Amino acid sequence: KFHLSLGKLLVKSVLKLRQEHSFDIVVLSGGVFNNKLLLELTQSLFDKINNMTLLIPSQIPLGDGGISLGQAAVCAAKEKKYGK
């Protein structure tokens, strides 16, 4: 019941943010989604939403292991945009 409630809260929050910022792609990431039950329940809730694409990293760790890759991607994008 706890996991389902957390998943519903997440979906509700995303839908509210979607109204304000108009997006259609959501990425589930972070160590909390190493919890398989929470991940599966949240994914099933998102599957019921029309016009929403849900992405779940499969080759990058969901937890802290993926942070450095994200930081490197931001640095690469900034370097490409602004130069060294």
Protein backbone atom coordinates (compact mmCIF):
# COMPACT_ATOMS: atom_id res chain seq x y z
CA LYS A 1 0.00 0.00 0.00
CA PHE A 2 2.86 2.40 0.80
CA HIS A 3 4.52 1.85 -2.58
CA LEU A 4 1.26 2.34 -4.47
CA SER A 5 0.53 5.55 -2.56
CA LEU A 6 4.01 6.86 -3.33
CA GLY A 7 3.58 6.01 -7.02
CA LYS A 8 0.19 7.77 -7.14
CA LEU A 9 1.68 10.85 -5.47
CA LEU A 10 4.48 10.93 -8.03
CA VAL A 11 2.04 10.65 -10.96
CA LYS A 12 -0.19 13.36 -9.47
CA SER A 13 2.82 15.67 -9.05
CA VAL A 14 4.01 15.02 -12.61
CA LEU A 15 0.54 15.77 -14.03
CA LYS A 16 0.40 19.05 -12.10
CA LEU A 17 3.86 20.05 -13.35
CA ARG A 18 2.86 19.03 -16.87
CA GLN A 19 0.01 21.55 -16.84
CA GLU A 20 2.43 24.33 -15.89
CA HIS A 21 5.38 23.38 -18.11
CA SER A 22 3.91 21.37 -21.03
CA PHE A 23 6.12 18.29 -21.38
CA ASP A 24 5.39 14.74 -22.50
CA ILE A 25 8.51 12.81 -21.46
CA VAL A 26 9.24 11.67 -17.91
CA VAL A 27 12.39 9.87 -16.76
CA LEU A 28 12.26 7.72 -13.63
CA SER A 29 15.69 7.75 -12.07
CA GLY A 30 17.31 7.90 -8.67
CA GLY A 31 18.11 5.32 -6.05
CA VAL A 32 14.50 5.08 -4.90
CA PHE A 33 13.68 3.30 -8.16
CA ASN A 34 16.10 0.50 -7.33
CA ASN A 35 13.07 -0.70 -5.38
CA LYS A 36 11.55 -3.03 -7.98
CA LEU A 37 8.04 -2.90 -6.50
CA LEU A 38 7.94 0.90 -6.52
CA LEU A 39 9.34 1.03 -10.05
CA GLU A 40 6.81 -1.47 -11.42
CA LEU A 41 3.82 0.13 -9.68
CA THR A 42 4.81 3.62 -10.79
CA GLN A 43 5.39 2.41 -14.34
CA SER A 44 1.94 0.79 -14.45
CA LEU A 45 0.35 4.04 -13.26
CA PHE A 46 2.16 6.05 -15.96
CA ASP A 47 1.11 3.50 -18.59
CA LYS A 48 -2.50 4.64 -18.06
CA ILE A 49 -1.71 8.25 -19.01
CA ASN A 50 -2.22 9.20 -22.66
CA ASN A 51 0.40 11.18 -24.57
CA MET A 52 3.11 10.62 -21.97
CA THR A 53 6.38 8.82 -22.66
CA LEU A 54 8.04 7.19 -19.68
CA LEU A 55 11.76 6.49 -19.84
CA ILE A 56 13.59 4.22 -17.42
CA PRO A 57 17.37 3.99 -17.77
CA SER A 58 18.50 0.49 -18.64
CA GLN A 59 22.22 0.96 -19.28
CA ILE A 60 22.89 3.62 -16.64
CA PRO A 61 22.50 2.90 -12.92
CA LEU A 62 19.35 4.37 -11.40
CA GLY A 63 21.17 5.49 -8.26
CA ASP A 64 24.30 7.48 -7.51
CA GLY A 65 26.30 5.60 -10.13
CA GLY A 66 24.49 7.52 -12.86
CA ILE A 67 25.13 10.97 -11.37
CA SER A 68 28.65 11.33 -12.76
CA LEU A 69 27.44 10.47 -16.25
CA GLY A 70 24.76 13.14 -15.99
CA GLN A 71 27.31 15.67 -14.79
CA ALA A 72 29.59 14.80 -17.70
CA ALA A 73 26.69 15.22 -20.15
CA VAL A 74 25.90 18.67 -18.77
CA CYS A 75 29.56 19.70 -19.02
CA ALA A 76 29.77 18.42 -22.60
CA ALA A 77 26.62 20.32 -23.57
CA LYS A 78 27.90 23.54 -21.99
CA GLU A 79 31.28 23.16 -23.68
CA LYS A 80 29.59 22.59 -27.02
CA LYS A 81 27.38 25.65 -26.54
CA TYR A 82 29.88 28.06 -25.00
CA GLY A 83 33.29 26.61 -25.89
CA LYS A 84 36.13 26.16 -23.42
